Protein backbone atom coordinates (compact mmCIF):
# COMPACT_ATOMS: atom_id res chain seq x y z
CA MET A 1 40.45 -32.99 39.19
CA ASN A 2 42.81 -31.22 36.88
CA PRO A 3 43.07 -30.48 33.26
CA ALA A 4 46.05 -32.27 31.78
CA ALA A 5 47.21 -29.05 30.13
CA HIS A 6 47.99 -25.99 32.36
CA SER A 7 46.35 -23.45 29.89
CA TYR A 8 42.62 -22.97 29.70
CA PRO A 9 41.25 -24.75 26.56
CA TRP A 10 39.18 -21.60 25.49
CA VAL A 11 40.13 -18.08 26.06
CA PRO A 12 37.85 -15.47 24.43
CA ASP A 13 40.14 -12.35 25.33
CA GLN A 14 42.62 -12.09 22.33
CA GLY A 15 44.92 -9.63 24.40
CA ASP A 16 44.87 -7.09 21.55
CA GLY A 17 41.77 -5.23 22.60
CA THR A 18 39.49 -7.73 20.91
CA TYR A 19 37.51 -10.86 21.88
CA ARG A 20 36.23 -13.95 19.97
CA ASN A 21 32.95 -15.69 20.45
CA PRO A 22 31.74 -17.59 22.43
CA VAL A 23 32.76 -15.58 25.46
CA LEU A 24 31.85 -18.62 27.54
CA HIS A 25 32.40 -21.89 25.71
CA ALA A 26 30.27 -23.65 28.40
CA ASP A 27 26.77 -24.39 29.15
CA TYR A 28 25.35 -21.30 30.68
CA SER A 29 21.93 -21.76 29.42
CA ASP A 30 19.51 -18.77 29.31
CA PRO A 31 21.95 -16.21 30.50
CA ASP A 32 20.90 -12.86 32.09
CA VAL A 33 23.21 -10.12 33.05
CA VAL A 34 22.85 -6.93 35.31
CA ARG A 35 25.40 -4.10 35.61
CA VAL A 36 25.99 -2.35 39.05
CA GLY A 37 28.56 0.52 38.43
CA SER A 38 31.31 -0.97 36.43
CA ASP A 39 30.71 -4.61 37.45
CA TYR A 40 28.61 -7.09 35.60
CA PHE A 41 27.00 -10.16 37.08
CA LEU A 42 25.45 -13.07 35.08
CA THR A 43 23.29 -15.88 36.14
CA SER A 44 21.77 -18.86 34.18
CA SER A 45 19.36 -21.76 34.28
CA SER A 46 20.67 -24.75 36.34
CA PHE A 47 17.85 -27.23 35.91
CA ASN A 48 18.20 -30.26 38.31
CA CYS A 49 21.88 -29.44 39.27
CA THR A 50 22.97 -27.90 42.78
CA PRO A 51 24.08 -25.59 43.92
CA GLY A 52 22.04 -23.73 41.29
CA LEU A 53 21.78 -20.15 39.72
CA PRO A 54 25.57 -19.80 39.25
CA ILE A 55 26.70 -16.05 39.66
CA LEU A 56 29.54 -15.03 37.46
CA HIS A 57 31.39 -11.62 37.69
CA SER A 58 33.11 -9.59 34.87
CA ARG A 59 34.22 -5.97 34.29
CA ASP A 60 34.12 -6.21 30.49
CA LEU A 61 31.59 -8.80 29.63
CA VAL A 62 34.32 -10.85 28.07
CA ASN A 63 36.23 -12.28 31.08
CA TRP A 64 34.16 -14.07 33.52
CA ARG A 65 34.82 -15.77 36.98
CA ILE A 66 32.34 -17.84 38.96
CA VAL A 67 31.72 -16.04 42.34
CA ASN A 68 28.90 -17.80 43.84
CA HIS A 69 25.57 -19.66 43.45
CA ALA A 70 22.32 -18.23 44.68
CA LEU A 71 20.50 -21.43 45.30
CA LYS A 72 21.66 -24.34 47.51
CA ASN A 73 18.97 -26.69 46.77
CA LEU A 74 15.62 -26.92 45.09
CA SER A 75 12.75 -26.44 47.44
CA HIS A 76 10.47 -29.46 46.42
CA PRO A 77 11.52 -32.62 48.06
CA ARG A 78 11.31 -34.72 44.80
CA TYR A 79 14.68 -33.08 43.72
CA SER A 80 16.48 -35.42 46.17
CA GLU A 81 16.10 -37.75 43.12
CA VAL A 82 17.56 -36.86 39.69
CA GLN A 83 14.98 -35.14 37.76
CA PRO A 84 16.47 -34.45 34.30
CA GLY A 85 15.19 -31.31 32.47
CA HIS A 86 13.16 -30.22 35.57
CA GLY A 87 14.26 -27.53 38.18
CA VAL A 88 15.53 -24.03 37.54
CA TRP A 89 14.64 -22.71 34.00
CA ALA A 90 15.35 -19.24 32.65
CA PRO A 91 16.11 -16.60 35.53
CA SER A 92 16.31 -12.98 35.63
CA ILE A 93 18.82 -10.99 37.72
CA ARG A 94 18.34 -7.20 38.68
CA HIS A 95 19.55 -4.66 40.98
CA HIS A 96 16.93 -2.56 42.67
CA ASP A 97 16.61 -0.71 46.16
CA GLY A 98 20.16 -1.59 47.16
CA LYS A 99 20.00 -5.28 46.58
CA PHE A 100 20.11 -8.06 43.96
CA TRP A 101 17.15 -9.88 42.90
CA ILE A 102 16.91 -13.30 41.03
CA PHE A 103 13.33 -14.18 39.82
CA PHE A 104 13.48 -17.90 38.60
CA PRO A 105 10.97 -20.55 37.66
CA THR A 106 10.67 -24.24 38.28
CA PRO A 107 8.03 -25.00 35.65
CA ASP A 108 6.16 -27.73 37.75
CA GLU A 109 5.74 -25.45 40.84
CA GLY A 110 5.78 -21.78 39.93
CA LEU A 111 7.80 -18.60 40.01
CA TYR A 112 10.24 -17.87 42.91
CA LEU A 113 12.42 -14.96 44.17
CA THR A 114 15.86 -15.02 46.03
CA THR A 115 17.66 -11.73 46.99
CA ALA A 116 21.05 -10.68 48.30
CA THR A 117 22.87 -7.54 49.30
CA ASP A 118 26.12 -8.93 47.90
CA PRO A 119 25.99 -11.35 45.04
CA ALA A 120 29.12 -13.26 46.35
CA GLY A 121 27.53 -13.57 49.87
CA ASP A 122 24.44 -15.15 51.28
CA TRP A 123 21.20 -15.32 49.21
CA SER A 124 17.71 -15.68 50.86
CA ALA A 125 15.80 -18.72 50.89
CA PRO A 126 13.65 -19.07 47.74
CA HIS A 127 10.16 -17.36 48.12
CA LEU A 128 7.31 -18.72 46.09
CA VAL A 129 5.93 -15.46 44.30
CA LEU A 130 3.36 -17.09 42.17
CA ALA A 131 2.31 -20.88 42.24
CA GLY A 132 1.39 -22.38 38.99
CA LYS A 133 2.37 -25.36 36.59
CA GLY A 134 3.87 -24.15 33.39
CA LEU A 135 4.70 -20.60 34.46
CA ILE A 136 8.28 -19.89 33.25
CA ASP A 137 10.83 -17.21 32.62
CA PRO A 138 9.97 -14.41 35.02
CA CYS A 139 11.37 -10.90 34.84
CA PRO A 140 10.72 -8.14 37.20
CA PHE A 141 10.29 -4.30 36.42
CA TRP A 142 10.22 -1.34 38.71
CA ASP A 143 8.71 1.64 36.95
CA ASP A 144 9.52 5.38 37.57
CA ASP A 145 6.29 5.76 39.52
CA GLY A 146 7.18 3.13 41.88
CA LYS A 147 4.87 0.39 40.65
CA ALA A 148 6.30 -3.11 40.05
CA TYR A 149 5.46 -5.79 37.44
CA LEU A 150 6.36 -9.22 36.71
CA ILE A 151 6.43 -10.47 33.12
CA HIS A 152 6.63 -14.16 32.26
CA ALA A 153 6.01 -16.93 29.60
CA TYR A 154 4.48 -20.30 29.57
CA ALA A 155 5.68 -23.74 28.97
CA GLY A 156 3.85 -25.63 26.28
CA SER A 157 4.54 -28.96 27.92
CA ARG A 158 2.96 -28.05 31.16
CA ALA A 159 0.44 -25.13 30.44
CA GLY A 160 -0.64 -25.92 26.74
CA ILE A 161 0.39 -22.37 25.94
CA ARG A 162 3.68 -21.16 24.38
CA ASN A 163 2.78 -18.14 22.37
CA LYS A 164 1.92 -15.59 25.10
CA LEU A 165 3.63 -13.19 27.34
CA HIS A 166 1.84 -12.23 30.41
CA LEU A 167 2.42 -8.94 32.53
CA ARG A 168 1.23 -8.91 36.14
CA PRO A 169 1.25 -6.24 38.72
CA MET A 170 3.49 -7.12 41.58
CA ALA A 171 4.30 -5.88 45.19
CA PRO A 172 7.31 -3.72 45.03
CA ASP A 173 8.92 -6.11 47.59
CA GLY A 174 8.49 -8.98 45.17
CA SER A 175 6.46 -10.95 47.71
CA ARG A 176 3.55 -11.62 45.45
CA THR A 177 1.63 -10.55 42.27
CA LEU A 178 -1.37 -8.22 42.79
CA GLY A 179 -3.68 -9.54 40.19
CA LYS A 180 -4.16 -11.58 37.00
CA GLY A 181 -2.68 -8.68 34.99
CA LYS A 182 -2.98 -9.30 31.10
CA VAL A 183 -1.24 -10.91 28.28
CA VAL A 184 0.57 -8.08 26.55
CA ILE A 185 2.08 -10.04 23.60
CA GLU A 186 0.66 -13.01 21.70
CA ILE A 187 1.89 -14.67 18.39
CA ASP A 188 0.32 -17.02 16.08
CA PRO A 189 0.04 -20.34 18.09
CA SER A 190 1.24 -22.39 15.08
CA LEU A 191 4.79 -20.65 15.30
CA PRO A 192 7.51 -21.82 17.52
CA ALA A 193 7.65 -20.80 21.13
CA LEU A 194 7.80 -17.20 22.44
CA GLU A 195 9.65 -17.18 25.73
CA GLY A 196 12.34 -15.73 27.88
CA PRO A 197 10.96 -12.10 28.22
CA LYS A 198 13.18 -9.37 29.57
CA LEU A 199 11.65 -5.83 30.30
CA HIS A 200 13.53 -2.58 29.99
CA LYS A 201 12.63 1.16 29.76
CA ARG A 202 14.67 3.61 27.63
CA SER A 203 13.81 7.19 26.30
CA GLY A 204 10.28 6.67 27.31
CA TRP A 205 9.72 3.38 25.57
CA TYR A 206 9.07 0.18 27.13
CA TYR A 207 10.95 -2.75 25.53
CA ILE A 208 10.43 -6.46 25.98
CA SER A 209 13.14 -8.58 24.41
CA ALA A 210 11.95 -12.27 23.76
CA PRO A 211 13.36 -15.13 21.71
CA ALA A 212 11.21 -17.01 19.38
CA GLY A 213 11.55 -19.86 16.83
CA GLY A 214 13.07 -22.53 19.24
CA VAL A 215 16.16 -23.17 20.93
CA ALA A 216 18.54 -24.48 18.04
CA THR A 217 16.82 -22.43 15.20
CA GLY A 218 15.27 -19.30 16.63
CA TRP A 219 15.85 -15.57 16.52
CA GLN A 220 15.68 -12.48 18.84
CA CYS A 221 12.62 -10.38 18.74
CA ILE A 222 12.16 -6.85 20.44
CA PHE A 223 8.74 -5.40 21.13
CA ARG A 224 8.43 -1.76 22.18
CA SER A 225 5.35 0.49 23.33
CA ARG A 226 4.97 3.83 25.08
CA SER A 227 2.68 2.05 27.57
CA ILE A 228 3.78 -0.82 29.57
CA GLN A 229 0.26 -2.30 29.04
CA GLY A 230 0.81 -2.14 25.19
CA PRO A 231 -0.25 -2.35 22.50
CA TYR A 232 3.47 -3.45 21.31
CA GLU A 233 5.10 -3.31 18.00
CA GLU A 234 7.49 -6.03 17.03
CA LYS A 235 10.85 -6.20 15.25
CA THR A 236 13.30 -9.04 14.72
CA VAL A 237 16.78 -7.79 15.45
CA LEU A 238 19.15 -10.88 15.42
CA ALA A 239 19.06 -14.21 13.35
CA GLN A 240 21.51 -16.68 12.02
CA ARG A 241 21.54 -15.08 8.53
CA GLY A 242 24.00 -17.52 6.95
CA SER A 243 26.56 -17.41 9.99
CA ALA A 244 27.67 -20.42 11.85
CA ILE A 245 25.89 -19.26 14.97
CA ASN A 246 22.43 -21.18 15.03
CA GLY A 247 19.55 -19.85 17.19
CA PRO A 248 21.16 -16.78 18.35
CA HIS A 249 18.70 -15.36 21.00
CA GLN A 250 17.58 -15.55 24.77
CA GLY A 251 19.74 -13.41 26.83
CA ALA A 252 20.32 -9.98 28.16
CA LEU A 253 20.38 -6.40 26.87
CA VAL A 254 22.89 -4.54 29.11
CA ASP A 255 24.32 -1.03 29.14
CA THR A 256 27.84 0.33 30.08
CA PRO A 257 28.59 3.38 32.26
CA ASP A 258 29.44 5.28 29.02
CA GLY A 259 26.09 4.53 27.57
CA ASP A 260 27.01 1.73 25.02
CA TRP A 261 24.92 -1.43 24.82
CA TRP A 262 25.62 -4.97 24.28
CA PHE A 263 23.59 -8.13 24.09
CA ILE A 264 24.58 -11.54 25.74
CA HIS A 265 22.85 -14.63 24.27
CA PHE A 266 23.25 -18.25 24.01
CA GLN A 267 23.82 -20.62 21.02
CA ASP A 268 22.65 -24.29 21.36
CA LYS A 269 25.76 -26.38 20.48
CA ASP A 270 24.25 -29.75 21.07
CA LEU A 271 26.58 -31.83 23.48
CA TYR A 272 28.46 -28.55 24.54
CA GLY A 273 25.15 -27.00 25.82
CA ARG A 274 23.94 -23.52 25.34
CA ILE A 275 27.24 -21.45 25.14
CA VAL A 276 27.36 -17.74 25.55
CA HIS A 277 28.06 -15.01 22.88
CA LEU A 278 28.44 -11.33 23.14
CA GLN A 279 26.95 -9.03 20.39
CA PRO A 280 27.44 -5.15 20.01
CA VAL A 281 24.31 -3.17 19.99
CA ARG A 282 23.54 0.24 18.29
CA TRP A 283 20.21 2.25 18.51
CA GLU A 284 18.59 3.54 15.54
CA ASP A 285 15.11 5.19 15.51
CA ASP A 286 14.79 3.80 19.18
CA TRP A 287 15.18 0.30 18.20
CA PRO A 288 18.23 -1.80 19.37
CA LEU A 289 20.12 -3.27 16.41
CA ILE A 290 22.09 -6.35 17.33
CA GLY A 291 25.32 -7.79 15.77
CA GLU A 292 26.60 -6.71 12.41
CA ALA A 293 25.52 -6.23 8.89
CA GLN A 294 21.91 -5.44 9.49
CA ASP A 295 19.78 -6.27 6.31
CA GLU A 296 17.00 -3.87 5.07
CA ALA A 297 14.59 -4.97 7.81
CA GLY A 298 17.21 -4.24 10.53
CA VAL A 299 17.97 -7.91 11.25
CA GLY A 300 21.51 -8.30 12.54
CA ARG A 301 23.99 -11.23 12.07
CA PRO A 302 26.07 -12.46 15.00
CA VAL A 303 29.68 -11.55 15.31
CA LEU A 304 32.61 -14.02 15.75
CA HIS A 305 35.18 -11.51 16.52
CA HIS A 306 34.97 -7.75 17.74
CA ARG A 307 36.54 -5.07 19.82
CA LYS A 308 36.16 -5.48 23.63
CA LEU A 309 34.27 -2.94 25.79
CA LEU A 310 37.61 -2.35 27.73
CA PRO A 311 40.77 -2.67 26.06
CA GLY A 312 43.03 -3.51 29.13
CA GLY A 313 42.94 -4.98 32.68
CA ASP A 314 44.08 -8.03 34.51
CA PHE A 315 43.11 -10.44 31.74
CA PRO A 316 42.47 -13.03 30.52
CA ALA A 317 40.10 -14.40 33.13
CA VAL A 318 38.06 -17.58 32.60
CA PRO A 319 35.62 -19.64 34.63
CA GLN A 320 37.25 -21.95 37.09
CA ASP A 321 37.86 -25.58 36.02
CA SER A 322 40.82 -27.18 37.74
CA ASP A 323 40.47 -28.11 41.39
CA GLU A 324 43.65 -29.29 43.49
CA PHE A 325 41.27 -30.04 46.50
CA GLU A 326 43.53 -28.40 48.81
CA SER A 327 40.74 -25.96 50.01
CA GLU A 328 38.05 -26.75 52.65
CA THR A 329 35.43 -26.05 50.07
CA LEU A 330 34.47 -27.27 46.60
CA GLY A 331 35.32 -24.94 43.69
CA PHE A 332 32.56 -23.11 42.36
CA GLN A 333 32.52 -24.98 39.15
CA TRP A 334 31.21 -28.12 40.76
CA GLN A 335 27.54 -29.22 40.90
CA TRP A 336 25.69 -32.28 42.05
CA HIS A 337 23.31 -33.98 39.92
CA GLY A 338 20.35 -33.41 42.22
CA ASN A 339 19.69 -32.02 45.70
CA HIS A 340 22.77 -32.65 47.79
CA GLU A 341 23.64 -33.24 51.46
CA ALA A 342 26.75 -31.83 53.28
CA ASP A 343 27.94 -35.26 54.48
CA TRP A 344 28.39 -36.49 50.83
CA HIS A 345 31.95 -35.19 50.81
CA SER A 346 34.69 -34.35 53.06
CA PHE A 347 38.16 -32.34 52.98
CA SER A 348 39.05 -32.96 56.66
CA GLU A 349 39.57 -36.75 56.61
CA ARG A 350 42.46 -36.59 54.41
CA GLY A 351 44.44 -33.52 53.77
CA GLY A 352 44.81 -32.61 50.15
CA HIS A 353 42.15 -34.97 49.09
CA LEU A 354 38.25 -34.87 48.24
CA ARG A 355 36.71 -37.79 49.89
CA LEU A 356 33.52 -38.89 48.36
CA ARG A 357 31.15 -41.14 50.36
CA PRO A 358 29.00 -43.55 48.47
CA HIS A 359 25.27 -43.31 47.60
CA PHE A 360 23.15 -46.35 46.77
CA ALA A 361 22.70 -47.08 43.09
CA LEU A 362 20.52 -49.96 42.06
CA ASN A 363 22.58 -52.29 39.90
CA GLY A 364 25.31 -49.49 39.79
CA ASN A 365 23.07 -47.37 37.62
CA ILE A 366 24.88 -43.95 38.21
CA ALA A 367 22.31 -42.12 35.70
CA LYS A 368 19.99 -41.98 38.82
CA ALA A 369 22.59 -41.13 41.39
CA PRO A 370 22.24 -37.61 42.59
CA ASN A 371 25.81 -37.53 44.15
CA LEU A 372 27.57 -37.20 40.76
CA LEU A 373 29.87 -34.29 41.24
CA LEU A 374 30.20 -32.64 37.93
CA GLN A 375 31.38 -29.64 35.90
CA LYS A 376 30.46 -28.23 32.51
CA PHE A 377 32.44 -29.01 29.40
CA PRO A 378 34.80 -25.93 29.08
CA ALA A 379 35.59 -26.08 25.38
CA SER A 380 35.25 -28.15 22.32
CA GLU A 381 38.44 -30.10 23.04
CA PHE A 382 40.19 -30.59 26.41
CA GLU A 383 41.79 -33.12 28.64
CA VAL A 384 41.01 -34.06 32.26
CA GLU A 385 42.92 -36.25 34.88
CA THR A 386 42.30 -37.16 38.48
CA ARG A 387 43.98 -39.51 40.89
CA ILE A 388 41.69 -41.99 42.70
CA GLU A 389 42.15 -44.39 45.61
CA ILE A 390 39.60 -46.69 47.05
CA PRO A 391 39.89 -48.98 50.13
CA HIS A 392 40.31 -52.65 49.08
CA ASP A 393 37.68 -54.08 51.37
CA HIS A 394 34.45 -52.81 49.85
CA ALA A 395 33.75 -55.08 46.98
CA SER A 396 30.28 -53.34 46.32
CA LEU A 397 31.81 -49.87 46.09
CA HIS A 398 32.18 -48.31 42.49
CA SER A 399 33.91 -45.01 41.74
CA GLY A 400 35.52 -43.36 38.88
CA LEU A 401 35.44 -40.69 36.16
CA VAL A 402 32.22 -39.99 34.39
CA VAL A 403 31.02 -38.22 31.25
CA ALA A 404 27.37 -37.44 32.04
CA GLY A 405 24.65 -36.98 29.49
CA GLU A 406 21.66 -38.82 28.03
CA ASN A 407 24.01 -41.66 27.53
CA MET A 408 26.20 -42.06 30.60
CA ALA A 409 29.73 -43.12 30.16
CA ALA A 410 32.25 -43.96 33.09
CA LEU A 411 35.65 -45.44 33.71
CA ASP A 412 34.42 -47.40 36.66
CA ALA A 413 36.85 -48.70 39.25
CA GLN A 414 36.36 -51.36 42.02
CA HIS A 415 39.19 -52.47 44.39
CA ILE A 416 38.81 -56.09 45.15
CA ASP A 417 41.48 -58.56 46.57
CA GLY A 418 44.24 -56.06 46.25
CA LYS A 419 43.50 -55.22 42.66
CA TYR A 420 41.74 -52.52 40.88
CA ARG A 421 39.16 -53.68 38.23
CA LEU A 422 38.58 -51.01 35.72
CA SER A 423 35.61 -51.05 33.23
CA LEU A 424 34.40 -48.77 30.57
CA MET A 425 30.75 -48.57 31.08
CA ILE A 426 28.42 -46.99 28.57
CA SER A 427 24.59 -46.85 29.31
CA GLY A 428 25.28 -49.66 31.80
CA GLU A 429 27.10 -52.01 29.36
CA SER A 430 30.83 -52.95 29.84
CA LEU A 431 32.83 -52.27 26.71
CA GLY A 432 36.33 -52.97 28.08
CA ALA A 433 38.04 -53.90 31.21
CA LEU A 434 41.47 -54.07 32.79
CA GLU A 435 42.83 -55.30 36.09
CA LEU A 436 46.07 -54.14 37.71
CA ALA A 437 47.62 -53.98 41.13
CA ALA A 438 48.35 -50.39 42.26
CA PRO A 439 47.92 -48.19 45.49
CA SER A 440 46.06 -45.46 43.42
CA LEU A 441 45.04 -44.67 39.78
CA ILE A 442 45.30 -41.72 37.51
CA LEU A 443 42.19 -41.59 35.46
CA LYS A 444 42.13 -39.61 32.28
CA LEU A 445 39.71 -38.31 29.69
CA LYS A 446 40.65 -36.92 26.31
CA VAL A 447 37.81 -34.86 24.48
CA GLY A 448 38.44 -34.38 20.78
CA GLY A 449 36.67 -32.74 18.06
CA GLY A 450 33.01 -33.26 17.82
CA GLY A 451 32.84 -34.40 21.42
CA VAL A 452 34.65 -37.81 20.85
CA CYS A 453 35.78 -39.08 24.11
CA ARG A 454 38.47 -41.52 25.20
CA LEU A 455 38.88 -42.81 28.73
CA GLY A 456 41.87 -44.53 30.20
CA LEU A 457 44.84 -44.39 32.58
CA ALA A 458 48.03 -42.42 32.87
CA MET A 459 50.72 -44.89 33.90
CA SER A 460 54.42 -44.88 34.27
CA GLU A 461 54.98 -46.65 30.99
CA THR A 462 52.67 -44.29 29.02
CA PRO A 463 51.04 -40.90 29.34
CA PHE A 464 47.62 -42.49 28.30
CA TYR A 465 46.55 -45.97 28.03
CA GLN A 466 42.99 -46.18 26.50
CA ILE A 467 40.46 -48.60 27.91
CA GLY A 468 37.74 -49.66 25.63
CA PRO A 469 36.57 -47.81 22.43
CA SER A 470 36.09 -44.02 21.84
CA PHE A 471 32.62 -42.83 22.19
CA PRO A 472 30.71 -39.51 21.60
CA ALA A 473 29.57 -37.43 24.53
CA THR A 474 25.79 -36.82 24.48
CA PRO A 475 23.82 -33.75 25.93
CA GLY A 476 21.59 -34.33 28.84
CA ARG A 477 17.86 -33.08 28.98
CA TRP A 478 18.13 -29.40 28.17
CA ILE A 479 21.79 -29.31 29.29
CA GLY A 480 25.23 -30.10 27.69
CA ALA A 481 27.35 -33.00 28.59
CA LYS A 482 29.33 -32.78 31.89
CA VAL A 483 32.42 -34.37 33.39
CA GLY A 484 33.02 -35.40 36.90
CA ILE A 485 33.62 -37.98 39.63
CA TYR A 486 31.34 -40.35 41.50
CA CYS A 487 31.12 -42.92 44.29
CA VAL A 488 28.38 -45.36 44.68
CA THR A 489 27.66 -48.67 46.29
CA THR A 490 25.34 -51.50 45.07
CA ASP A 491 24.72 -52.71 48.62
CA VAL A 492 21.74 -50.95 50.14
CA LEU A 493 22.69 -52.32 53.58
CA ASP A 494 26.37 -51.09 53.60
CA PRO A 495 26.90 -47.41 53.07
CA SER A 496 30.46 -47.39 54.36
CA GLY A 497 33.54 -46.91 52.32
CA TYR A 498 34.79 -44.10 50.28
CA ALA A 499 36.86 -42.84 47.48
CA ASP A 500 39.61 -40.19 47.73
CA PHE A 501 40.43 -38.05 44.80
CA ALA A 502 43.44 -35.66 44.26
């Protein structure tokens, strides 16, 4: 599947020593970043999508490439079915004792740990550190005296608590917590949620950064104390303050080799998901002040344009999107819609093509199909095209191009009696159809301003022939809209057939 244009639709690096926000115009929700030497590694929530916990690499916090995923599949067997909004919530990534550590929650099961010596290599199988429903957003901390701690929040939807941050002593190897610990921060329960804590130490101060106020409307808090056990004093350091950046919070404070500091955070942009911004940080009276134009209380405003950490380099670099399917592996940008199996796809059966095998979908309902192969929207406007070929002797087989969200939309293809039947399907309803005889089809998606989508064909007579009406993309449960491909069958007794993409 390839972008119709060769240039990437959103490039943050301006090529003149500055960058524009967002630095990732894609749904990397709840980002966390760690620096090792002069390299930065980012991970984010992945919810029900697999492989999960994407790993991105940068040398300047502006130009990012996907280098791995830390999680192949979710541990609980129920994720073999699509579980919107469940799965991996806000993770933390750290480097300690010569290896990388990612602590992450699945809010219905508990808090997990996976580790690796090389972030682009193999990660360990997830280890359950602390079981419990409603435990979310864990972050580890190893103190100067060798003691280790784990701080986390609570999901109000599961635990009935959403206003407390809990600190627990932890075995230094991360294998388990060592007691109940204590709630170190508690806000008025009538206020919006306090979540996503990250624990740091600087100049003898312990800092807990945590977002409050809700995903779309919130702000960033910093709490500090001379003792890790508290008491902590509170300061709001970043808020929208009349800018276009709503809810600027939930992310990572990270330093540079030269001692500068930056803050990576998300902005909820509805159907585009939680896109990632980069803010400068300066320290004043041992408080981190984030963004620009701090008011009298020290609350910063998000920047839209700023100087880069590094002025040069082999830039720009952007997350992968195009895939020619000429490799023997899927590009890192792809994720399935649930736990996946290795035999769902093949590169060896037809060179230069990705072959998808069908998964049963009752009444052709792809919303519940875990074998949707998807990637994030990469910008506010972009185009996608893919060539598809289906064998003509499988009438129950459906395949095509999908825009996934709360309302699923697909350009659905069947190959019957030597002809392709194409239908624009939105939430299971056909809103336009076309029949034509052809050996293969080039399916095309155009996404315009506001996420308005048009699906159609590229044909010899015209570069784009739209099928059915335009429609708005919609976000999924806690995630942005995605685009991708699929292959399903409506015959539970016939799993044969395939669809080839190029």
